[in-house]
């Protein structure tokens, strides 16, 4: 199924994201995760690429995406990055994806690692999208966007303007980086609409459920932390169970507000945490279903 078709038939999509196991983790971990996610009402599940983009990591992404399609009968989306890839690397990955009938891709630049200098074949995700669409037009392409602006962009306005390049090169809809402030998302969406961005924009939501996750996620994403969420962090910093429940509740509130304000889709960054994914999905699925039936 072409993921872009979802938006022709649904007002609000609902999707999940998982990541391949670490080098020192058993594949049984991801198999068990997928088995337990099977009952959730996901329109698709995306599989990240992993830092560095090595051949082994690319193969893990393809393998897990194929598993999602064949064993769990949910449409997969495979992430594909270009910063550490040559054109030949991308061609080989596309061939493996086609062999496994994984035809929906999230095209990304990828993180630049000090241990792996970037290749020169592609500089931006829009370059990767253009290459894939010209060579293999049957793939459906999704792209990323940043409600508070990419850290390398001079301004949010410039960053939104750059989205036109992705769309012109074949991206059919956009998924945001995680954010905690819905008002920041609404400002971004209004700006995108004003600048002529007319593809569906899906909100990426990550529940914060531990102190360790707070430090890592906020530091890496650069997402602003609203006062309400900051108070939760402080109040329950030494009460892990309460912090977990408060983080889940905050994510549910975010999603409810977004649905009430005509979001086109919710993309839940699960961090492979099945219990959290279930609690959030169960809390919001009836509301999303009602929107899609209205």
Protein backbone atom coordinates (compact mmCIF):
# COMPACT_ATOMS: atom_id res chain seq x y z
CA UNK A 1 0.00 0.00 0.00
CA UNK A 2 1.16 3.50 -0.78
CA UNK A 3 1.13 5.34 2.56
CA UNK A 4 0.05 8.57 0.86
CA UNK A 5 -3.29 6.91 0.08
CA UNK A 6 -4.13 6.85 3.80
CA UNK A 7 -4.68 10.58 3.74
CA UNK A 8 -7.23 10.26 0.94
CA UNK A 9 -9.47 8.11 3.15
CA UNK A 10 -8.71 9.20 6.72
CA UNK A 11 -8.83 12.55 8.46
CA UNK A 12 -6.29 11.39 11.05
CA UNK A 13 -3.66 8.67 10.60
CA UNK A 14 -2.02 6.83 13.49
CA UNK A 15 1.44 5.30 13.21
CA UNK A 16 4.29 3.98 15.33
CA UNK A 17 8.07 4.05 15.13
CA UNK A 18 10.50 1.39 16.31
CA UNK A 19 14.27 0.95 16.02
CA UNK A 20 16.42 -2.11 15.23
CA UNK A 21 18.17 -3.84 18.14
CA UNK A 22 21.56 -2.58 19.24
CA UNK A 23 24.66 -4.50 18.18
CA UNK A 24 24.78 -6.38 21.48
CA UNK A 25 21.03 -7.11 21.65
CA UNK A 26 19.26 -10.27 20.59
CA UNK A 27 16.85 -10.16 17.67
CA UNK A 28 14.34 -11.83 19.97
CA UNK A 29 13.90 -8.42 21.60
CA UNK A 30 12.54 -6.82 18.43
CA UNK A 31 10.50 -9.91 17.52
CA UNK A 32 8.81 -9.80 20.92
CA UNK A 33 8.25 -6.06 20.59
CA UNK A 34 6.54 -6.48 17.21
CA UNK A 35 4.47 -9.41 18.43
CA UNK A 36 3.14 -7.35 21.33
CA UNK A 37 2.51 -4.29 19.12
CA UNK A 38 0.51 -6.37 16.70
CA UNK A 39 -2.87 -5.54 18.21
CA UNK A 40 -2.45 -1.78 18.07
CA UNK A 41 -4.47 0.14 15.45
CA UNK A 42 -1.45 1.40 13.48
CA UNK A 43 -1.78 2.47 9.86
CA UNK A 44 1.94 1.83 9.48
CA UNK A 45 5.10 1.19 11.49
CA UNK A 46 8.35 2.91 10.58
CA UNK A 47 11.79 1.45 11.25
CA UNK A 48 14.72 3.74 11.94
CA UNK A 49 18.10 3.45 10.24
CA UNK A 50 20.44 3.70 13.20
CA UNK A 51 23.35 6.05 13.72
CA UNK A 52 26.15 5.80 11.19
CA UNK A 53 24.18 4.08 8.45
CA UNK A 54 26.52 1.08 8.09
CA UNK A 55 25.75 -1.84 5.79
CA UNK A 56 24.78 -4.00 8.77
CA UNK A 57 22.41 -1.31 10.03
CA UNK A 58 20.83 -0.92 6.60
CA UNK A 59 20.25 -4.67 6.43
CA UNK A 60 18.64 -4.68 9.88
CA UNK A 61 16.20 -1.98 8.80
CA UNK A 62 15.26 -3.88 5.65
CA UNK A 63 14.88 -7.17 7.54
CA UNK A 64 12.63 -5.72 10.23
CA UNK A 65 10.53 -3.76 7.73
CA UNK A 66 10.01 -6.97 5.77
CA UNK A 67 9.06 -8.80 8.97
CA UNK A 68 6.43 -6.17 9.77
CA UNK A 69 4.85 -6.64 6.35
CA UNK A 70 4.96 -10.43 6.05
CA UNK A 71 4.44 -11.62 9.64
CA UNK A 72 2.38 -8.86 11.18
CA UNK A 73 0.50 -7.60 8.11
CA UNK A 74 1.08 -3.93 8.86
CA UNK A 75 2.50 -1.59 6.25
CA UNK A 76 6.18 -0.83 6.99
CA UNK A 77 8.10 2.36 6.30
CA UNK A 78 11.89 2.00 6.10
CA UNK A 79 14.09 4.94 7.02
CA UNK A 80 16.89 5.64 4.57
CA UNK A 81 19.66 8.19 5.18
CA UNK A 82 22.24 9.60 2.82
CA UNK A 83 24.93 11.46 4.76
CA UNK A 84 27.19 8.38 4.93
CA UNK A 85 25.99 6.77 1.70
CA UNK A 86 27.22 6.79 -1.87
CA UNK A 87 24.84 6.52 -4.80
CA UNK A 88 25.80 2.87 -5.09
CA UNK A 89 24.98 2.28 -1.42
CA UNK A 90 21.52 3.73 -1.97
CA UNK A 91 20.98 1.68 -5.14
CA UNK A 92 21.86 -1.53 -3.27
CA UNK A 93 19.50 -0.64 -0.41
CA UNK A 94 16.67 0.14 -2.83
CA UNK A 95 17.15 -3.22 -4.52
CA UNK A 96 16.91 -5.05 -1.18
CA UNK A 97 13.82 -3.06 -0.24
CA UNK A 98 12.15 -3.93 -3.55
CA UNK A 99 13.00 -7.60 -3.12
CA UNK A 100 11.16 -7.48 0.20
CA UNK A 101 8.28 -5.39 -1.19
CA UNK A 102 8.98 -2.51 1.18
CA UNK A 103 7.95 0.44 -0.98
CA UNK A 104 7.42 3.28 1.51
CA UNK A 105 10.50 5.21 2.65
CA UNK A 106 11.30 7.98 5.09
CA UNK A 107 14.11 9.93 3.37
CA UNK A 108 16.51 11.63 5.77
CA UNK A 109 19.91 13.25 5.68
CA UNK A 110 20.98 11.44 8.83
CA UNK A 111 23.24 12.51 11.67
CA UNK A 112 26.81 13.48 10.95
CA UNK A 113 29.19 11.43 13.08
CA UNK A 114 32.72 12.64 13.93
CA UNK A 115 33.87 9.04 13.47
CA UNK A 116 32.48 8.80 9.91
CA UNK A 117 33.08 11.81 7.65
CA UNK A 118 30.09 12.39 5.34
CA UNK A 119 30.21 11.25 1.73
CA UNK A 120 29.85 13.77 -1.09
CA UNK A 121 27.13 12.12 -3.19
CA UNK A 122 24.22 13.65 -1.25
CA UNK A 123 24.12 16.74 0.93
CA UNK A 124 20.44 16.97 1.88
CA UNK A 125 17.41 14.73 2.21
CA UNK A 126 15.92 16.54 -0.80
CA UNK A 127 18.91 15.33 -2.89
CA UNK A 128 18.21 11.75 -1.78
CA UNK A 129 14.50 12.11 -2.60
CA UNK A 130 15.31 13.43 -6.06
CA UNK A 131 17.73 10.56 -6.73
CA UNK A 132 15.25 7.89 -5.63
CA UNK A 133 12.27 9.39 -7.44
CA UNK A 134 14.14 9.69 -10.75
CA UNK A 135 15.65 6.22 -10.52
CA UNK A 136 12.85 4.27 -8.79
CA UNK A 137 9.62 6.27 -9.08
CA UNK A 138 7.49 3.45 -7.69
CA UNK A 139 8.74 4.16 -4.15
CA UNK A 140 6.59 6.44 -2.01
CA UNK A 141 8.64 9.01 -0.09
CA UNK A 142 8.00 10.67 3.25
CA UNK A 143 10.08 13.46 4.73
CA UNK A 144 10.92 15.05 8.08
CA UNK A 145 10.17 18.56 9.29
CA UNK A 146 11.02 20.56 12.40
CA UNK A 147 8.31 22.56 14.21
CA UNK A 148 10.90 24.67 15.98
CA UNK A 149 13.32 24.78 13.05
CA UNK A 150 16.32 22.63 12.12
CA UNK A 151 19.34 23.55 14.21
CA UNK A 152 21.33 24.40 11.05
CA UNK A 153 18.67 26.68 9.54
CA UNK A 154 19.11 30.43 9.86
CA UNK A 155 15.44 30.81 10.79
CA UNK A 156 12.20 28.86 10.97
CA UNK A 157 11.02 30.72 7.87
CA UNK A 158 14.06 29.54 5.90
CA UNK A 159 13.61 25.99 7.17
CA UNK A 160 9.96 25.95 6.05
CA UNK A 161 10.95 27.31 2.64
CA UNK A 162 13.41 24.42 2.27
CA UNK A 163 10.51 21.97 2.58
CA UNK A 164 9.48 23.00 -0.93
CA UNK A 165 12.60 21.23 -2.25
CA UNK A 166 11.60 17.95 -0.59
CA UNK A 167 8.05 18.17 -1.90
CA UNK A 168 9.18 19.10 -5.41
CA UNK A 169 11.47 16.06 -5.36
CA UNK A 170 8.66 13.63 -4.55
CA UNK A 171 7.88 13.71 -0.81
CA UNK A 172 4.15 13.07 -0.32
CA UNK A 173 3.79 13.95 3.36
CA UNK A 174 5.85 15.19 6.30
CA UNK A 175 6.40 13.85 9.82
CA UNK A 176 7.67 16.22 12.50
CA UNK A 177 10.58 15.85 14.82
CA UNK A 178 9.30 15.27 18.35
CA UNK A 179 7.96 18.32 20.16
CA UNK A 180 6.36 19.00 23.54
CA UNK A 181 4.77 22.39 22.88
CA UNK A 182 1.65 22.18 20.72
CA UNK A 183 1.57 25.94 20.30
CA UNK A 184 4.98 25.77 18.62
CA UNK A 185 3.57 23.15 16.25
CA UNK A 186 0.53 25.31 15.40
CA UNK A 187 2.78 28.28 14.62
CA UNK A 188 4.86 26.07 12.37
CA UNK A 189 1.80 24.64 10.62
CA UNK A 190 0.33 28.11 10.04
CA UNK A 191 3.64 29.31 8.61
CA UNK A 192 3.91 26.25 6.35
CA UNK A 193 0.38 26.82 5.05
CA UNK A 194 1.11 30.51 4.46
CA UNK A 195 4.21 29.56 2.46
CA UNK A 196 2.28 27.15 0.23
CA UNK A 197 3.12 23.79 1.87
CA UNK A 198 0.07 21.71 1.01
CA UNK A 199 1.04 18.11 1.87
CA UNK A 200 -0.22 16.46 5.08
CA UNK A 201 1.87 17.20 8.18
CA UNK A 202 1.92 14.46 10.83
CA UNK A 203 2.82 15.24 14.45
CA UNK A 204 5.65 13.22 16.00
CA UNK A 205 5.00 12.58 19.70
CA UNK A 206 7.45 11.02 22.14
CA UNK A 207 6.27 10.29 25.70
CA UNK A 208 8.89 11.06 28.33
CA UNK A 209 8.80 8.29 30.92
CA UNK A 210 12.15 8.43 32.78
CA UNK A 211 14.71 10.93 34.02
CA UNK A 212 17.38 9.40 31.80
CA UNK A 213 15.15 9.86 28.76
CA UNK A 214 14.54 13.51 29.69
CA UNK A 215 18.24 14.34 29.63
CA UNK A 216 18.99 12.48 26.42
CA UNK A 217 15.88 13.39 24.43
CA UNK A 218 15.80 17.08 25.23
CA UNK A 219 19.55 17.44 24.65
CA UNK A 220 19.51 15.68 21.28
CA UNK A 221 16.25 17.07 19.89
CA UNK A 222 16.57 20.66 21.02
CA UNK A 223 12.79 20.69 21.59
CA UNK A 224 11.59 23.38 23.97
CA UNK A 225 10.07 22.25 27.25
CA UNK A 226 6.83 24.02 28.28
CA UNK A 227 6.48 25.10 31.90
CA UNK A 228 3.83 22.44 32.58
CA UNK A 229 6.13 19.61 31.48
CA UNK A 230 9.10 21.12 33.29
CA UNK A 231 7.09 21.11 36.52
CA UNK A 232 6.34 17.41 36.04
CA UNK A 233 10.04 16.70 35.54
CA UNK A 234 10.89 18.51 38.78
CA UNK A 235 8.01 17.22 40.87
CA UNK A 236 8.51 13.55 40.06
CA UNK A 237 12.26 13.43 39.39
CA UNK A 238 12.82 11.02 42.29
CA UNK A 239 9.57 9.08 41.81
CA UNK A 240 10.10 6.97 38.67
CA UNK A 241 6.64 5.36 38.61
CA UNK A 242 4.90 8.70 38.99
CA UNK A 243 7.16 10.29 36.36
CA UNK A 244 6.34 7.49 33.91
CA UNK A 245 2.59 7.90 34.40
CA UNK A 246 2.81 11.69 34.25
CA UNK A 247 4.80 11.52 31.01
CA UNK A 248 2.24 9.19 29.43
CA UNK A 249 -0.61 11.44 30.54
CA UNK A 250 1.15 14.50 29.09
CA UNK A 251 1.56 12.75 25.72
CA UNK A 252 -2.12 11.75 25.72
CA UNK A 253 -3.13 15.35 26.45
CA UNK A 254 -0.90 16.52 23.59
CA UNK A 255 -2.51 14.09 21.16
CA UNK A 256 -6.06 14.96 22.24
CA UNK A 257 -5.39 18.65 21.72
CA UNK A 258 -3.79 18.02 18.31
CA UNK A 259 -6.74 15.92 17.14
CA UNK A 260 -9.11 18.65 18.32
CA UNK A 261 -7.12 21.08 16.18
CA UNK A 262 -7.36 19.09 12.93
CA UNK A 263 -4.03 17.29 12.90
CA UNK A 264 -3.62 15.02 9.88
CA UNK A 265 -1.81 12.29 11.75
CA UNK A 266 -0.08 11.17 14.95
CA UNK A 267 3.27 9.38 14.77
CA UNK A 268 4.20 7.84 18.12
CA UNK A 269 7.91 7.46 18.82
CA UNK A 270 7.59 4.29 20.91
CA UNK A 271 11.28 3.81 21.85
CA UNK A 272 10.32 0.10 21.62
CA UNK A 273 8.36 0.47 24.86
CA UNK A 274 5.28 -1.66 24.30
CA UNK A 275 3.52 -0.86 27.58
CA UNK A 276 3.71 2.88 26.95
CA UNK A 277 2.58 2.49 23.34
CA UNK A 278 -0.43 0.45 24.47
CA UNK A 279 -1.50 2.90 27.17
CA UNK A 280 -1.36 5.86 24.81
CA UNK A 281 -2.98 4.04 21.90
CA UNK A 282 -5.84 2.75 24.04
CA UNK A 283 -6.47 6.23 25.42
CA UNK A 284 -6.68 7.97 22.03
CA UNK A 285 -7.90 5.37 19.54
CA UNK A 286 -11.63 5.95 20.09
CA UNK A 287 -11.21 9.68 19.55
CA UNK A 288 -9.19 9.13 16.38
CA UNK A 289 -11.72 6.57 15.17
CA UNK A 290 -14.57 9.01 15.78
CA UNK A 291 -12.73 11.68 13.78
CA UNK A 292 -12.28 9.28 10.88
CA UNK A 293 -15.97 8.36 10.93
CA UNK A 294 -17.19 11.96 11.08
